Amino acid sequence: MTDADRLELEIMEKALTLAGLRKAEPPVEVKDYAFATPDGETTLSRLFAGRDRLLVIHNMGEGCRYCTLWADGINGVLAHLEDAMAVALVSKDPPDVQRRLAQDRGWRFRMASHGGGPYMMEQSVGDGNYPGAVVYERRDGRIFRRGRAAFGPGDLYNPVWHLLALGGVGAEDWTPQFHYWRRPQKMDDGGQNMND
């Protein structure tokens, strides 16, 4: 077994320890924040959609390729997550921009806009509009934050970083893109009116 193999096993064990610590943390009561959706105003409590637990994904919006990477990955396991809890993605973008991005990416999330307001300043890990996730619980009509985490290259929430690392590709060597199509050297149709 190599040093890298041993360290990876240690990281897996520490991830389980981290999960236990999060489970043991006392919940923090939060207010019922307001959000905008294509159907009008909504609240954090309504994002629970009748469930007792809610995962809110913090996305910086259409201008962040990294946030798109995380949302793409989470979208792939959305059905599994929704079996355990409600899931919503929030960003500062207005609802029409969110809808356009979701359609382009094939995202199935319920989405809401915090508009850059107090929700992100008070609930994200980091300063303001920072990517991450928060899990809330609803008990006796009150909302409690159970756990939260920031997203960043190499984190536990996107396997792309770890799979790239297997090949020796670090976060400094690769940047996610919105789309990966590359224009061929020769376009058989002449290549007029191309949107690169």
N, C-alpha and C. Protein backbone atom coordinates (compact mmCIF):
# COMPACT_ATOMS: atom_id res chain seq x y z
N MET A 1 0.86 -1.18 0.00
CA MET A 1 0.00 0.00 0.00
C MET A 1 0.90 1.24 0.00
N THR A 2 0.57 2.18 -0.87
CA THR A 2 1.38 3.40 -0.99
C THR A 2 0.95 4.42 0.08
N ASP A 3 1.76 5.45 0.24
CA ASP A 3 1.41 6.54 1.15
C ASP A 3 0.10 7.18 0.73
N ALA A 4 -0.11 7.33 -0.59
CA ALA A 4 -1.34 7.93 -1.10
C ALA A 4 -2.54 7.05 -0.74
N ASP A 5 -2.39 5.73 -0.87
CA ASP A 5 -3.48 4.80 -0.51
C ASP A 5 -3.84 4.93 0.97
N ARG A 6 -2.81 4.97 1.82
CA ARG A 6 -3.04 5.09 3.26
C ARG A 6 -3.73 6.41 3.61
N LEU A 7 -3.26 7.49 2.99
CA LEU A 7 -3.87 8.79 3.26
C LEU A 7 -5.32 8.82 2.80
N GLU A 8 -5.61 8.21 1.65
CA GLU A 8 -6.99 8.19 1.17
C GLU A 8 -7.89 7.44 2.15
N LEU A 9 -7.43 6.34 2.67
CA LEU A 9 -8.22 5.60 3.68
C LEU A 9 -8.41 6.44 4.94
N GLU A 10 -7.37 7.15 5.33
CA GLU A 10 -7.47 8.03 6.50
C GLU A 10 -8.49 9.14 6.26
N ILE A 11 -8.48 9.71 5.06
CA ILE A 11 -9.44 10.76 4.73
C ILE A 11 -10.86 10.21 4.78
N MET A 12 -11.07 8.99 4.27
CA MET A 12 -12.40 8.38 4.33
C MET A 12 -12.85 8.20 5.77
N GLU A 13 -11.94 7.74 6.63
CA GLU A 13 -12.27 7.59 8.06
C GLU A 13 -12.60 8.94 8.68
N LYS A 14 -11.82 9.96 8.35
CA LYS A 14 -12.06 11.30 8.90
C LYS A 14 -13.39 11.86 8.40
N ALA A 15 -13.77 11.53 7.16
CA ALA A 15 -15.07 11.98 6.65
C ALA A 15 -16.20 11.38 7.48
N LEU A 16 -16.06 10.13 7.89
CA LEU A 16 -17.06 9.50 8.77
C LEU A 16 -17.07 10.16 10.14
N THR A 17 -15.89 10.51 10.65
CA THR A 17 -15.80 11.23 11.93
C THR A 17 -16.47 12.59 11.81
N LEU A 18 -16.22 13.29 10.69
CA LEU A 18 -16.85 14.58 10.45
C LEU A 18 -18.38 14.45 10.43
N ALA A 19 -18.89 13.41 9.79
CA ALA A 19 -20.34 13.19 9.74
C ALA A 19 -20.89 13.00 11.16
N GLY A 20 -20.17 12.28 12.00
CA GLY A 20 -20.60 12.10 13.39
C GLY A 20 -20.59 13.39 14.17
N LEU A 21 -19.57 14.21 13.97
CA LEU A 21 -19.50 15.51 14.65
C LEU A 21 -20.65 16.41 14.22
N ARG A 22 -20.95 16.41 12.92
CA ARG A 22 -22.06 17.23 12.43
C ARG A 22 -23.39 16.77 13.03
N LYS A 23 -23.56 15.46 13.12
CA LYS A 23 -24.81 14.93 13.67
C LYS A 23 -24.96 15.33 15.14
N ALA A 24 -23.85 15.44 15.86
CA ALA A 24 -23.88 15.77 17.28
C ALA A 24 -23.99 17.27 17.55
N GLU A 25 -23.72 18.11 16.54
CA GLU A 25 -23.79 19.57 16.75
C GLU A 25 -25.22 20.00 17.09
N PRO A 26 -25.36 20.93 18.01
CA PRO A 26 -26.71 21.43 18.31
C PRO A 26 -27.24 22.25 17.14
N PRO A 27 -28.52 22.10 16.81
CA PRO A 27 -29.09 22.89 15.71
C PRO A 27 -29.18 24.36 16.09
N VAL A 28 -29.17 25.22 15.05
CA VAL A 28 -29.25 26.66 15.23
C VAL A 28 -30.56 27.13 14.61
N GLU A 29 -31.40 27.80 15.38
CA GLU A 29 -32.66 28.29 14.84
C GLU A 29 -32.40 29.45 13.88
N VAL A 30 -33.12 29.45 12.76
CA VAL A 30 -33.00 30.51 11.76
C VAL A 30 -34.39 31.07 11.45
N LYS A 31 -34.41 32.25 10.85
CA LYS A 31 -35.69 32.85 10.49
C LYS A 31 -36.20 32.29 9.17
N ASP A 32 -37.41 32.61 8.84
CA ASP A 32 -38.06 32.13 7.63
C ASP A 32 -37.80 33.13 6.50
N TYR A 33 -36.67 32.99 5.84
CA TYR A 33 -36.23 33.92 4.82
C TYR A 33 -37.17 33.94 3.61
N ALA A 34 -37.19 35.06 2.91
CA ALA A 34 -37.99 35.22 1.69
C ALA A 34 -37.12 35.00 0.46
N PHE A 35 -37.72 34.42 -0.58
CA PHE A 35 -37.06 34.15 -1.85
C PHE A 35 -38.02 34.49 -2.99
N ALA A 36 -37.46 34.67 -4.17
CA ALA A 36 -38.26 34.87 -5.37
C ALA A 36 -38.19 33.62 -6.24
N THR A 37 -39.32 33.28 -6.86
CA THR A 37 -39.38 32.15 -7.80
C THR A 37 -40.15 32.61 -9.03
N PRO A 38 -40.16 31.81 -10.08
CA PRO A 38 -40.95 32.19 -11.26
C PRO A 38 -42.45 32.34 -10.93
N ASP A 39 -42.91 31.69 -9.87
CA ASP A 39 -44.32 31.76 -9.47
C ASP A 39 -44.58 32.83 -8.43
N GLY A 40 -43.58 33.66 -8.12
CA GLY A 40 -43.74 34.72 -7.13
C GLY A 40 -42.91 34.47 -5.88
N GLU A 41 -43.23 35.20 -4.83
CA GLU A 41 -42.48 35.09 -3.58
C GLU A 41 -42.73 33.73 -2.91
N THR A 42 -41.70 33.25 -2.24
CA THR A 42 -41.83 32.05 -1.40
C THR A 42 -40.96 32.27 -0.17
N THR A 43 -40.97 31.30 0.72
CA THR A 43 -40.19 31.39 1.95
C THR A 43 -39.39 30.11 2.14
N LEU A 44 -38.44 30.17 3.03
CA LEU A 44 -37.65 29.00 3.37
C LEU A 44 -38.56 27.86 3.82
N SER A 45 -39.56 28.17 4.64
CA SER A 45 -40.45 27.11 5.13
C SER A 45 -41.21 26.44 3.99
N ARG A 46 -41.56 27.18 2.96
CA ARG A 46 -42.26 26.57 1.82
C ARG A 46 -41.32 25.71 0.97
N LEU A 47 -40.02 26.03 0.98
CA LEU A 47 -39.07 25.22 0.22
C LEU A 47 -38.97 23.80 0.77
N PHE A 48 -39.42 23.58 2.01
CA PHE A 48 -39.44 22.24 2.58
C PHE A 48 -40.41 21.32 1.83
N ALA A 49 -41.39 21.91 1.14
CA ALA A 49 -42.35 21.15 0.32
C ALA A 49 -42.99 20.00 1.11
N GLY A 50 -43.35 20.30 2.37
CA GLY A 50 -44.02 19.29 3.19
C GLY A 50 -43.10 18.30 3.87
N ARG A 51 -41.81 18.43 3.67
CA ARG A 51 -40.83 17.50 4.29
C ARG A 51 -40.31 18.11 5.59
N ASP A 52 -39.63 17.31 6.40
CA ASP A 52 -39.06 17.79 7.65
C ASP A 52 -37.61 18.25 7.50
N ARG A 53 -36.98 17.90 6.39
CA ARG A 53 -35.57 18.23 6.18
C ARG A 53 -35.41 18.82 4.78
N LEU A 54 -34.52 19.81 4.66
CA LEU A 54 -34.30 20.51 3.41
C LEU A 54 -32.81 20.75 3.18
N LEU A 55 -32.32 20.35 2.02
CA LEU A 55 -30.97 20.67 1.58
C LEU A 55 -31.06 21.87 0.65
N VAL A 56 -30.36 22.95 1.00
CA VAL A 56 -30.30 24.13 0.14
C VAL A 56 -28.88 24.24 -0.40
N ILE A 57 -28.78 24.22 -1.72
CA ILE A 57 -27.49 24.34 -2.39
C ILE A 57 -27.26 25.81 -2.69
N HIS A 58 -26.16 26.35 -2.23
CA HIS A 58 -25.80 27.75 -2.49
C HIS A 58 -24.98 27.81 -3.76
N ASN A 59 -25.51 28.49 -4.76
CA ASN A 59 -24.89 28.60 -6.06
C ASN A 59 -24.65 30.09 -6.33
N MET A 60 -23.47 30.45 -6.80
CA MET A 60 -23.16 31.86 -7.01
C MET A 60 -23.89 32.45 -8.21
N GLY A 61 -24.42 31.60 -9.07
CA GLY A 61 -25.19 32.09 -10.20
C GLY A 61 -24.57 31.77 -11.54
N GLU A 62 -25.19 32.30 -12.58
CA GLU A 62 -24.81 31.93 -13.94
C GLU A 62 -23.38 32.30 -14.30
N GLY A 63 -22.75 33.19 -13.58
CA GLY A 63 -21.40 33.62 -13.90
C GLY A 63 -20.30 32.76 -13.31
N CYS A 64 -20.65 31.69 -12.60
CA CYS A 64 -19.62 30.88 -11.93
C CYS A 64 -19.57 29.47 -12.52
N ARG A 65 -18.47 29.18 -13.22
CA ARG A 65 -18.29 27.84 -13.81
C ARG A 65 -18.14 26.77 -12.73
N TYR A 66 -17.50 27.13 -11.62
CA TYR A 66 -17.32 26.16 -10.55
C TYR A 66 -18.66 25.77 -9.92
N CYS A 67 -19.51 26.75 -9.69
CA CYS A 67 -20.83 26.46 -9.12
C CYS A 67 -21.65 25.59 -10.06
N THR A 68 -21.47 25.80 -11.36
CA THR A 68 -22.14 24.97 -12.35
C THR A 68 -21.65 23.53 -12.23
N LEU A 69 -20.35 23.35 -12.03
CA LEU A 69 -19.78 22.02 -11.85
C LEU A 69 -20.43 21.30 -10.66
N TRP A 70 -20.53 21.98 -9.52
CA TRP A 70 -21.15 21.34 -8.35
C TRP A 70 -22.61 21.03 -8.60
N ALA A 71 -23.34 21.97 -9.18
CA ALA A 71 -24.76 21.73 -9.43
C ALA A 71 -24.96 20.59 -10.42
N ASP A 72 -24.11 20.50 -11.45
CA ASP A 72 -24.20 19.39 -12.39
C ASP A 72 -24.03 18.06 -11.65
N GLY A 73 -23.05 18.00 -10.76
CA GLY A 73 -22.81 16.76 -10.02
C GLY A 73 -23.94 16.40 -9.08
N ILE A 74 -24.44 17.39 -8.36
CA ILE A 74 -25.54 17.14 -7.42
C ILE A 74 -26.81 16.76 -8.18
N ASN A 75 -27.02 17.38 -9.35
CA ASN A 75 -28.18 17.05 -10.17
C ASN A 75 -28.18 15.56 -10.52
N GLY A 76 -27.00 14.98 -10.71
CA GLY A 76 -26.89 13.56 -11.04
C GLY A 76 -27.34 12.63 -9.93
N VAL A 77 -27.31 13.10 -8.69
CA VAL A 77 -27.74 12.27 -7.55
C VAL A 77 -28.99 12.84 -6.89
N LEU A 78 -29.68 13.74 -7.59
CA LEU A 78 -30.83 14.43 -7.02
C LEU A 78 -31.92 13.47 -6.55
N ALA A 79 -32.24 12.46 -7.33
CA ALA A 79 -33.30 11.51 -6.93
C ALA A 79 -32.95 10.83 -5.61
N HIS A 80 -31.69 10.49 -5.41
CA HIS A 80 -31.26 9.86 -4.17
C HIS A 80 -31.42 10.81 -2.99
N LEU A 81 -30.99 12.06 -3.19
CA LEU A 81 -31.12 13.06 -2.12
C LEU A 81 -32.58 13.33 -1.79
N GLU A 82 -33.42 13.45 -2.84
CA GLU A 82 -34.83 13.76 -2.61
C GLU A 82 -35.58 12.61 -1.95
N ASP A 83 -35.01 11.43 -1.95
CA ASP A 83 -35.61 10.34 -1.19
C ASP A 83 -35.51 10.59 0.31
N ALA A 84 -34.48 11.34 0.71
CA ALA A 84 -34.24 11.60 2.14
C ALA A 84 -34.72 12.98 2.59
N MET A 85 -34.77 13.96 1.67
CA MET A 85 -35.10 15.32 2.06
C MET A 85 -35.50 16.14 0.84
N ALA A 86 -36.11 17.28 1.07
CA ALA A 86 -36.38 18.22 -0.02
C ALA A 86 -35.05 18.86 -0.42
N VAL A 87 -34.95 19.27 -1.68
CA VAL A 87 -33.73 19.88 -2.19
C VAL A 87 -34.11 21.12 -3.00
N ALA A 88 -33.38 22.20 -2.79
CA ALA A 88 -33.57 23.41 -3.59
C ALA A 88 -32.21 24.05 -3.84
N LEU A 89 -32.07 24.69 -4.97
CA LEU A 89 -30.87 25.43 -5.30
C LEU A 89 -31.22 26.91 -5.29
N VAL A 90 -30.41 27.71 -4.59
CA VAL A 90 -30.64 29.14 -4.54
C VAL A 90 -29.41 29.87 -5.08
N SER A 91 -29.67 31.01 -5.73
CA SER A 91 -28.60 31.87 -6.20
C SER A 91 -29.11 33.31 -6.18
N LYS A 92 -28.22 34.24 -6.48
CA LYS A 92 -28.60 35.65 -6.52
C LYS A 92 -29.33 36.00 -7.82
N ASP A 93 -29.20 35.14 -8.84
CA ASP A 93 -29.79 35.42 -10.14
C ASP A 93 -31.31 35.52 -10.04
N PRO A 94 -31.92 36.38 -10.85
CA PRO A 94 -33.38 36.44 -10.88
C PRO A 94 -33.95 35.12 -11.42
N PRO A 95 -35.20 34.81 -11.08
CA PRO A 95 -35.79 33.52 -11.48
C PRO A 95 -35.72 33.22 -12.97
N ASP A 96 -35.89 34.22 -13.84
CA ASP A 96 -35.84 33.94 -15.28
C ASP A 96 -34.44 33.50 -15.72
N VAL A 97 -33.41 34.06 -15.11
CA VAL A 97 -32.03 33.66 -15.42
C VAL A 97 -31.77 32.26 -14.87
N GLN A 98 -32.26 31.99 -13.67
CA GLN A 98 -32.12 30.65 -13.10
C GLN A 98 -32.77 29.60 -14.00
N ARG A 99 -33.98 29.90 -14.47
CA ARG A 99 -34.70 28.95 -15.32
C ARG A 99 -33.92 28.68 -16.61
N ARG A 100 -33.39 29.73 -17.22
CA ARG A 100 -32.62 29.58 -18.46
C ARG A 100 -31.38 28.70 -18.23
N LEU A 101 -30.66 28.95 -17.14
CA LEU A 101 -29.47 28.16 -16.82
C LEU A 101 -29.86 26.70 -16.54
N ALA A 102 -30.92 26.49 -15.78
CA ALA A 102 -31.37 25.13 -15.47
C ALA A 102 -31.76 24.37 -16.74
N GLN A 103 -32.42 25.04 -17.66
CA GLN A 103 -32.80 24.39 -18.92
C GLN A 103 -31.56 24.04 -19.74
N ASP A 104 -30.59 24.95 -19.77
CA ASP A 104 -29.35 24.70 -20.51
C ASP A 104 -28.58 23.52 -19.93
N ARG A 105 -28.59 23.39 -18.61
CA ARG A 105 -27.81 22.35 -17.93
C ARG A 105 -28.58 21.05 -17.73
N GLY A 106 -29.90 21.08 -17.90
CA GLY A 106 -30.70 19.88 -17.62
C GLY A 106 -30.93 19.66 -16.13
N TRP A 107 -30.83 20.73 -15.34
CA TRP A 107 -31.04 20.62 -13.90
C TRP A 107 -32.51 20.41 -13.60
N ARG A 108 -32.78 19.60 -12.60
CA ARG A 108 -34.15 19.31 -12.17
C ARG A 108 -34.45 19.91 -10.80
N PHE A 109 -33.57 20.74 -10.28
CA PHE A 109 -33.76 21.35 -8.96
C PHE A 109 -34.99 22.24 -8.91
N ARG A 110 -35.60 22.33 -7.75
CA ARG A 110 -36.47 23.46 -7.47
C ARG A 110 -35.52 24.62 -7.19
N MET A 111 -35.82 25.79 -7.72
CA MET A 111 -34.89 26.91 -7.61
C MET A 111 -35.58 28.13 -7.03
N ALA A 112 -34.79 28.94 -6.34
CA ALA A 112 -35.29 30.20 -5.77
C ALA A 112 -34.14 31.20 -5.74
N SER A 113 -34.50 32.47 -5.81
CA SER A 113 -33.50 33.53 -5.81
C SER A 113 -33.49 34.24 -4.45
N HIS A 114 -32.31 34.35 -3.87
CA HIS A 114 -32.17 35.14 -2.64
C HIS A 114 -31.84 36.59 -2.98
N GLY A 115 -31.54 36.85 -4.26
CA GLY A 115 -31.30 38.22 -4.72
C GLY A 115 -30.12 38.91 -4.08
N GLY A 116 -29.23 38.16 -3.45
CA GLY A 116 -28.07 38.77 -2.79
C GLY A 116 -28.40 39.39 -1.44
N GLY A 117 -29.56 39.06 -0.91
CA GLY A 117 -30.03 39.65 0.35
C GLY A 117 -29.47 38.99 1.58
N PRO A 118 -30.15 39.17 2.71
CA PRO A 118 -29.63 38.72 4.00
C PRO A 118 -29.46 37.21 4.13
N TYR A 119 -30.21 36.43 3.37
CA TYR A 119 -30.09 34.97 3.50
C TYR A 119 -28.64 34.54 3.35
N MET A 120 -27.98 34.94 2.27
CA MET A 120 -26.61 34.49 2.03
C MET A 120 -25.63 35.06 3.04
N MET A 121 -25.82 36.29 3.44
CA MET A 121 -24.91 36.90 4.42
C MET A 121 -24.97 36.14 5.76
N GLU A 122 -26.12 35.62 6.09
CA GLU A 122 -26.32 34.99 7.40
C GLU A 122 -26.20 33.46 7.37
N GLN A 123 -26.35 32.83 6.20
CA GLN A 123 -26.40 31.38 6.17
C GLN A 123 -25.23 30.70 5.45
N SER A 124 -24.47 31.43 4.65
CA SER A 124 -23.37 30.76 3.94
C SER A 124 -22.13 30.69 4.82
N VAL A 125 -21.27 29.75 4.48
CA VAL A 125 -19.95 29.68 5.09
C VAL A 125 -19.06 30.49 4.17
N GLY A 126 -18.54 31.59 4.63
CA GLY A 126 -17.77 32.48 3.78
C GLY A 126 -18.45 33.83 3.75
N ASP A 127 -17.87 34.72 3.02
CA ASP A 127 -18.40 36.08 2.95
C ASP A 127 -19.40 36.21 1.82
N GLY A 128 -20.64 36.39 2.17
CA GLY A 128 -21.67 36.70 1.18
C GLY A 128 -22.01 35.57 0.25
N ASN A 129 -21.95 35.84 -1.02
CA ASN A 129 -22.41 34.92 -2.06
C ASN A 129 -21.37 33.82 -2.31
N TYR A 130 -21.26 32.90 -1.37
CA TYR A 130 -20.23 31.87 -1.43
C TYR A 130 -20.89 30.51 -1.66
N PRO A 131 -20.32 29.66 -2.52
CA PRO A 131 -20.95 28.37 -2.80
C PRO A 131 -20.86 27.40 -1.62
N GLY A 132 -21.87 26.57 -1.51
CA GLY A 132 -21.89 25.57 -0.47
C GLY A 132 -23.26 24.94 -0.34
N ALA A 133 -23.53 24.39 0.82
CA ALA A 133 -24.81 23.74 1.07
C ALA A 133 -25.15 23.84 2.54
N VAL A 134 -26.45 23.85 2.82
CA VAL A 134 -26.96 23.90 4.19
C VAL A 134 -28.11 22.91 4.28
N VAL A 135 -28.20 22.21 5.41
CA VAL A 135 -29.37 21.36 5.66
C VAL A 135 -30.13 21.96 6.83
N TYR A 136 -31.43 22.11 6.61
CA TYR A 136 -32.34 22.64 7.63
C TYR A 136 -33.32 21.55 8.05
N GLU A 137 -33.79 21.66 9.30
CA GLU A 137 -34.87 20.81 9.80
C GLU A 137 -36.00 21.69 10.26
N ARG A 138 -37.19 21.17 10.15
CA ARG A 138 -38.36 21.89 10.63
C ARG A 138 -38.96 21.08 11.77
N ARG A 139 -39.12 21.75 12.93
CA ARG A 139 -39.70 21.10 14.12
C ARG A 139 -40.63 22.08 14.81
N ASP A 140 -41.83 21.65 15.06
CA ASP A 140 -42.81 22.46 15.79
C ASP A 140 -42.96 23.85 15.18
N GLY A 141 -42.97 23.93 13.85
CA GLY A 141 -43.16 25.20 13.17
C GLY A 141 -41.93 26.10 13.15
N ARG A 142 -40.81 25.62 13.65
CA ARG A 142 -39.57 26.40 13.67
C ARG A 142 -38.55 25.75 12.74
N ILE A 143 -37.62 26.57 12.23
CA ILE A 143 -36.60 26.09 11.29
C ILE A 143 -35.24 26.14 11.97
N PHE A 144 -34.50 25.04 11.84
CA PHE A 144 -33.18 24.93 12.45
C PHE A 144 -32.16 24.52 11.40
N ARG A 145 -30.99 25.16 11.45
CA ARG A 145 -29.88 24.76 10.59
C ARG A 145 -29.17 23.60 11.27
N ARG A 146 -29.03 22.48 10.54
CA ARG A 146 -28.37 21.29 11.08
C ARG A 146 -26.89 21.26 10.74
N GLY A 147 -26.55 21.63 9.54
CA GLY A 147 -25.16 21.58 9.12
C GLY A 147 -24.97 22.41 7.87
N ARG A 148 -23.76 22.86 7.66
CA ARG A 148 -23.46 23.62 6.46
C ARG A 148 -22.01 23.42 6.08
N ALA A 149 -21.72 23.63 4.81
CA ALA A 149 -20.36 23.46 4.32
C ALA A 149 -20.14 24.38 3.12
N ALA A 150 -18.90 24.77 2.94
CA ALA A 150 -18.51 25.56 1.77
C ALA A 150 -18.04 24.60 0.68
N PHE A 151 -18.22 25.02 -0.56
CA PHE A 151 -17.69 24.27 -1.69
C PHE A 151 -16.41 24.93 -2.16
N GLY A 152 -15.45 24.13 -2.59
CA GLY A 152 -14.20 24.64 -3.14
C GLY A 152 -13.42 23.49 -3.75
N PRO A 153 -12.48 23.78 -4.65
CA PRO A 153 -11.70 22.73 -5.28
C PRO A 153 -11.10 21.77 -4.24
N GLY A 154 -11.30 20.47 -4.47
CA GLY A 154 -10.79 19.44 -3.57
C GLY A 154 -11.72 19.08 -2.44
N ASP A 155 -12.90 19.70 -2.36
CA ASP A 155 -13.82 19.42 -1.26
C ASP A 155 -14.40 18.01 -1.36
N LEU A 156 -15.23 17.67 -0.37
CA LEU A 156 -15.86 16.35 -0.32
C LEU A 156 -17.13 16.25 -1.16
N TYR A 157 -17.54 17.33 -1.82
CA TYR A 157 -18.87 17.38 -2.42
C TYR A 157 -18.89 17.25 -3.94
N ASN A 158 -17.73 17.17 -4.57
CA ASN A 158 -17.70 16.96 -6.01
C ASN A 158 -16.58 15.98 -6.34
N PRO A 159 -16.93 14.82 -6.88
CA PRO A 159 -15.91 13.80 -7.14
C PRO A 159 -14.96 14.16 -8.27
N VAL A 160 -15.29 15.16 -9.08
CA VAL A 160 -14.43 15.52 -10.21
C VAL A 160 -13.00 15.79 -9.73
N TRP A 161 -12.88 16.54 -8.62
CA TRP A 161 -11.53 16.90 -8.13
C TRP A 161 -10.71 15.65 -7.79
N HIS A 162 -11.35 14.68 -7.18
CA HIS A 162 -10.63 13.48 -6.74
C HIS A 162 -10.28 12.59 -7.92
N LEU A 163 -11.19 12.51 -8.90
CA LEU A 163 -10.90 11.71 -10.09
C LEU A 163 -9.79 12.36 -10.92
N LEU A 164 -9.79 13.69 -11.04
CA LEU A 164 -8.70 14.37 -11.72
C LEU A 164 -7.38 14.14 -10.99
N ALA A 165 -7.42 14.19 -9.66
CA ALA A 165 -6.21 13.99 -8.86
C ALA A 165 -5.60 12.61 -9.07
N LEU A 166 -6.45 11.60 -9.33
CA LEU A 166 -5.92 10.27 -9.63
C LEU A 166 -4.99 10.31 -10.84
N GLY A 167 -5.27 11.22 -11.76
CA GLY A 167 -4.43 11.38 -12.95
C GLY A 167 -3.37 12.45 -12.81
N GLY A 168 -3.21 12.98 -11.60
CA GLY A 168 -2.19 14.01 -11.39
C GLY A 168 -2.61 15.39 -11.84
N VAL A 169 -3.91 15.60 -12.08
CA VAL A 169 -4.41 16.90 -12.51
C VAL A 169 -4.95 17.62 -11.28
N GLY A 170 -4.32 18.72 -10.91
CA GLY A 170 -4.73 19.49 -9.74
C GLY A 170 -5.68 20.61 -10.10
N ALA A 171 -6.25 21.23 -9.08
CA ALA A 171 -7.18 22.35 -9.28
C ALA A 171 -6.50 23.50 -10.02
N GLU A 172 -5.18 23.63 -9.88
CA GLU A 172 -4.46 24.70 -10.57
C GLU A 172 -4.23 24.37 -12.05
N ASP A 173 -4.48 23.10 -12.43
CA ASP A 173 -4.24 22.66 -13.81
C ASP A 173 -5.50 22.63 -14.66
N TRP A 174 -6.67 22.76 -14.05
CA TRP A 174 -7.92 22.57 -14.78
C TRP A 174 -8.99 23.51 -14.25
N THR A 175 -9.76 24.08 -15.15
CA THR A 175 -10.88 24.94 -14.79
C THR A 175 -12.13 24.41 -15.48
N PRO A 176 -13.21 24.22 -14.74
CA PRO A 176 -14.44 23.75 -15.40
C PRO A 176 -14.95 24.79 -16.38
N GLN A 177 -15.66 24.33 -17.39
CA GLN A 177 -16.25 25.20 -18.40
C GLN A 177 -17.76 24.96 -18.44
N PHE A 178 -18.49 25.91 -18.99
CA PHE A 178 -19.93 25.72 -19.14
C PHE A 178 -20.23 24.66 -20.19
N HIS A 179 -19.45 24.66 -21.27
CA HIS A 179 -19.62 23.69 -22.36
C HIS A 179 -18.24 23.31 -22.86
N TYR A 180 -18.09 22.07 -23.34
CA TYR A 180 -16.78 21.58 -23.73
C TYR A 180 -16.63 21.35 -25.22
N TRP A 181 -17.61 21.73 -26.00
CA TRP A 181 -17.48 21.58 -27.44
C TRP A 181 -16.35 22.47 -27.93
N ARG A 182 -15.52 21.92 -28.76
CA ARG A 182 -14.44 22.70 -29.36
C ARG A 182 -14.65 22.72 -30.88
N ARG A 183 -14.46 23.89 -31.44
CA ARG A 183 -14.63 24.06 -32.89
C ARG A 183 -13.59 23.21 -33.62
N PRO A 184 -14.05 22.39 -34.57
CA PRO A 184 -13.10 21.59 -35.36
C PRO A 184 -12.21 22.50 -36.21
N GLN A 185 -11.06 21.98 -36.61
CA GLN A 185 -10.14 22.72 -37.47
C GLN A 185 -10.82 23.09 -38.79
N LYS A 186 -11.61 22.15 -39.32
CA LYS A 186 -12.30 22.38 -40.59
C LYS A 186 -13.78 22.09 -40.38
N MET A 187 -14.59 23.05 -40.74
CA MET A 187 -16.04 22.87 -40.64
C MET A 187 -16.57 22.40 -42.00
N ASP A 188 -17.18 21.23 -42.03
CA ASP A 188 -17.71 20.69 -43.28
C ASP A 188 -18.83 21.55 -43.85
N ASP A 189 -19.50 22.31 -42.99
CA ASP A 189 -20.60 23.15 -43.48
C ASP A 189 -20.14 24.59 -43.77
N GLY A 190 -18.86 24.83 -43.74
CA GLY A 190 -18.33 26.15 -44.05
C GLY A 190 -18.04 27.00 -42.82
N GLY A 191 -18.74 26.74 -41.72
CA GLY A 191 -18.45 27.42 -40.46
C GLY A 191 -18.98 28.81 -40.31
N GLN A 192 -19.92 29.23 -41.18
CA GLN A 192 -20.48 30.58 -41.02
C GLN A 192 -21.41 30.62 -39.80
N ASN A 193 -21.52 31.82 -39.23
CA ASN A 193 -22.45 32.08 -38.12
C ASN A 193 -22.22 31.16 -36.91
N MET A 194 -20.97 30.90 -36.62
CA MET A 194 -20.63 30.04 -35.47
C MET A 194 -20.65 30.85 -34.19
N ASN A 195 -21.21 30.28 -33.15
CA ASN A 195 -21.14 30.87 -31.80
C ASN A 195 -20.10 30.08 -31.03
N ASP A 196 -18.88 30.59 -30.97
CA ASP A 196 -17.79 29.88 -30.26
C ASP A 196 -17.95 30.03 -28.78
